[in-house]
Amino acid sequence: TVCVGATGVSYWVNGKAGSTFSWTINGGTKASGGNTDSITIDFSSTAGTDTITVVETDSNGCVGAPVQLAIVRMPLPDATISSSISMCYQDSATLTVSLTGSAPWDLTYNDGSGNQTVQVTTSPYSIPTGSLSATKTYTLVTVEDRLSCLTTLSGGSTSTTVTVFPQVVTPSIQHN
């Protein structure tokens, strides 16, 4: 299993000294190698299944049986955060992050005080804001799934603003 768009992925066999090898790749591109006992492959940026086939020819010219390996190209994980909200001074809220890919995930987000990385086991994931006295923006930065597929997140659905209304200060009671 590899991530879509993976590059420089190496495969090899333990062949006899003096042998040559013929590699065939269905769905990927040979980056290097091809006549030796190893090859490096760059994979397509779409999900699917590839097949790698290798055939060994020994120093006597005898050809071995083909050996195949099926490789699944998994889509990159993704994450989106709930829409912007407004709330009263010192109220709290819960933001919802929806994740795709293979759990568990390492999710990195920034709440204005720096990046925070949390391990998420189920989707959706909740980020509690705590009691807020000022407007705060939450931005999703990266998500990495259990297959080590990593996505740097960007776009409108990866950031949300929690708008905090000013504190209501009731004026003192006046009399005459």
Protein backbone atom coordinates (compact mmCIF):
# COMPACT_ATOMS: atom_id res chain seq x y z
CA THR A 1 0.00 0.00 0.00
CA VAL A 2 1.25 3.48 -0.90
CA CYS A 3 -0.19 6.97 -0.82
CA VAL A 4 -1.39 8.46 -4.10
CA GLY A 5 1.37 10.52 -5.70
CA ALA A 6 4.13 8.76 -3.71
CA THR A 7 7.52 9.20 -5.37
CA GLY A 8 10.82 7.39 -5.07
CA VAL A 9 9.36 4.17 -3.63
CA SER A 10 11.90 1.33 -3.87
CA TYR A 11 11.27 -2.35 -4.55
CA TRP A 12 13.82 -5.14 -4.93
CA VAL A 13 14.37 -8.88 -5.21
CA ASN A 14 17.28 -11.05 -4.09
CA GLY A 15 18.38 -12.45 -7.45
CA LYS A 16 21.41 -14.50 -8.44
CA ALA A 17 24.72 -12.77 -9.12
CA GLY A 18 25.07 -12.04 -12.86
CA SER A 19 21.32 -12.00 -13.49
CA THR A 20 19.41 -9.24 -15.24
CA PHE A 21 15.87 -8.23 -14.46
CA SER A 22 12.93 -6.99 -16.47
CA TRP A 23 10.44 -4.88 -14.53
CA THR A 24 6.93 -3.93 -15.68
CA ILE A 25 4.81 -1.36 -13.87
CA ASN A 26 1.08 -0.98 -14.37
CA GLY A 27 -0.07 2.40 -13.05
CA GLY A 28 3.26 3.88 -12.02
CA THR A 29 6.36 5.28 -13.65
CA LYS A 30 9.86 3.90 -13.35
CA ALA A 31 12.01 6.59 -11.72
CA SER A 32 15.24 4.54 -11.73
CA GLY A 33 16.48 0.97 -12.06
CA GLY A 34 14.88 -1.56 -14.32
CA ASN A 35 17.64 -3.97 -15.41
CA THR A 36 18.98 -4.62 -11.92
CA ASP A 37 17.47 -6.35 -8.92
CA SER A 38 15.86 -3.08 -7.73
CA ILE A 39 13.60 -0.37 -9.07
CA THR A 40 12.29 2.99 -7.87
CA ILE A 41 8.74 3.98 -8.76
CA ASP A 42 6.73 7.21 -8.85
CA PHE A 43 3.02 6.48 -8.42
CA SER A 44 -0.03 8.11 -9.98
CA SER A 45 -1.92 10.82 -8.10
CA THR A 46 -5.23 8.95 -8.31
CA ALA A 47 -6.41 6.09 -6.13
CA GLY A 48 -6.33 2.61 -7.62
CA THR A 49 -4.34 -0.59 -7.85
CA ASP A 50 -1.00 -1.07 -9.57
CA THR A 51 0.84 -4.26 -10.42
CA ILE A 52 4.62 -4.62 -10.48
CA THR A 53 6.03 -7.60 -12.37
CA VAL A 54 9.66 -8.70 -12.41
CA VAL A 55 11.30 -11.46 -14.46
CA GLU A 56 14.86 -12.65 -13.80
CA THR A 57 17.18 -13.86 -16.55
CA ASP A 58 20.26 -15.61 -15.14
CA SER A 59 23.78 -15.51 -16.55
CA ASN A 60 23.03 -18.66 -18.60
CA GLY A 61 20.14 -16.94 -20.37
CA CYS A 62 17.50 -18.95 -18.50
CA VAL A 63 14.33 -17.00 -17.77
CA GLY A 64 12.51 -17.36 -14.47
CA ALA A 65 8.78 -17.20 -13.89
CA PRO A 66 7.28 -13.73 -13.48
CA VAL A 67 6.73 -12.53 -9.92
CA GLN A 68 3.98 -9.97 -9.30
CA LEU A 69 3.08 -7.61 -6.48
CA ALA A 70 -0.23 -5.75 -6.29
CA ILE A 71 0.03 -2.27 -4.78
CA VAL A 72 -2.99 -0.26 -3.65
CA ARG A 73 -2.72 3.53 -4.05
CA MET A 74 -4.68 5.01 -1.16
CA PRO A 75 -6.23 8.48 -1.33
CA LEU A 76 -4.66 11.17 0.83
CA PRO A 77 -6.46 11.97 4.08
CA ASP A 78 -8.44 15.18 4.37
CA ALA A 79 -9.99 17.24 7.15
CA THR A 80 -12.60 19.99 7.27
CA ILE A 81 -13.72 22.12 10.21
CA SER A 82 -17.23 23.32 11.06
CA SER A 83 -18.49 26.71 9.90
CA SER A 84 -17.73 29.96 11.68
CA ILE A 85 -19.87 30.74 14.71
CA SER A 86 -20.67 33.70 16.95
CA MET A 87 -21.16 33.61 20.69
CA CYS A 88 -21.40 35.76 23.77
CA TYR A 89 -18.45 36.92 25.86
CA GLN A 90 -16.89 34.08 27.93
CA ASP A 91 -19.17 31.43 26.44
CA SER A 92 -17.65 28.24 25.03
CA ALA A 93 -18.35 26.12 21.97
CA THR A 94 -17.28 22.89 20.34
CA LEU A 95 -15.88 22.87 16.82
CA THR A 96 -16.27 19.74 14.71
CA VAL A 97 -13.53 18.34 12.46
CA SER A 98 -14.49 15.69 9.89
CA LEU A 99 -11.64 13.45 8.68
CA THR A 100 -11.20 11.03 5.78
CA GLY A 101 -8.51 8.40 5.24
CA SER A 102 -7.41 5.54 7.47
CA ALA A 103 -7.77 6.06 11.23
CA PRO A 104 -6.07 6.91 13.47
CA TRP A 105 -4.95 10.35 12.33
CA ASP A 106 -2.45 12.90 13.59
CA LEU A 107 -4.23 16.23 13.20
CA THR A 108 -2.32 19.49 13.53
CA TYR A 109 -4.30 22.69 14.01
CA ASN A 110 -3.51 26.23 15.08
CA ASP A 111 -5.74 28.22 17.40
CA GLY A 112 -3.63 31.38 17.29
CA SER A 113 -1.34 30.25 20.10
CA GLY A 114 0.74 27.90 17.92
CA ASN A 115 0.37 24.50 16.30
CA GLN A 116 -1.16 21.71 18.34
CA THR A 117 -1.06 18.06 17.25
CA VAL A 118 -3.62 15.60 18.54
CA GLN A 119 -4.15 11.92 17.76
CA VAL A 120 -7.69 11.31 16.56
CA THR A 121 -9.18 7.81 16.58
CA THR A 122 -12.68 8.52 15.26
CA SER A 123 -14.29 11.06 12.97
CA PRO A 124 -15.77 13.54 13.63
CA TYR A 125 -13.39 15.00 16.21
CA SER A 126 -14.38 17.77 18.64
CA ILE A 127 -12.23 20.77 19.54
CA PRO A 128 -13.57 22.54 22.64
CA THR A 129 -12.91 26.29 22.54
CA GLY A 130 -13.03 26.80 26.28
CA SER A 131 -14.33 30.08 27.63
CA LEU A 132 -13.48 32.85 25.14
CA SER A 133 -13.28 36.58 25.76
CA ALA A 134 -12.04 37.51 22.27
CA THR A 135 -12.57 36.39 18.68
CA LYS A 136 -10.36 33.44 17.76
CA THR A 137 -9.54 31.69 14.47
CA TYR A 138 -8.89 27.94 14.26
CA THR A 139 -6.95 26.67 11.23
CA LEU A 140 -6.32 23.04 10.29
CA VAL A 141 -2.67 22.64 9.21
CA THR A 142 -1.96 18.98 8.38
CA VAL A 143 -3.49 15.53 8.72
CA GLU A 144 -1.57 12.25 8.56
CA ASP A 145 -3.31 8.87 8.59
CA ARG A 146 -2.15 5.44 9.81
CA LEU A 147 -0.58 4.74 6.41
CA SER A 148 1.68 7.80 6.88
CA CYS A 149 -0.13 9.58 4.07
CA LEU A 150 0.21 13.30 4.81
CA THR A 151 -1.86 16.21 3.53
CA THR A 152 -1.06 19.88 4.07
CA LEU A 153 -4.49 21.43 4.40
CA SER A 154 -5.67 24.64 2.76
CA GLY A 155 -8.86 26.22 1.53
CA GLY A 156 -12.00 27.67 3.03
CA SER A 157 -13.19 24.56 4.87
CA THR A 158 -9.94 24.26 6.85
CA SER A 159 -10.34 27.48 8.84
CA THR A 160 -13.11 28.83 11.03
CA THR A 161 -13.56 31.93 13.15
CA VAL A 162 -15.30 32.03 16.51
CA THR A 163 -16.57 35.57 16.84
CA VAL A 164 -17.03 36.70 20.43
CA PHE A 165 -19.47 39.55 21.03
CA PRO A 166 -18.29 42.29 23.40
CA GLN A 167 -19.00 41.88 27.06
CA VAL A 168 -22.32 43.35 28.10
CA VAL A 169 -21.82 45.82 30.89
CA THR A 170 -25.07 46.82 32.51
CA PRO A 171 -24.92 50.44 33.62
CA SER A 172 -25.39 51.33 37.23
CA ILE A 173 -28.81 52.27 38.45
CA GLN A 174 -29.37 56.00 38.60
CA HIS A 175 -31.71 57.90 40.89
CA ASN A 176 -32.68 61.48 41.54
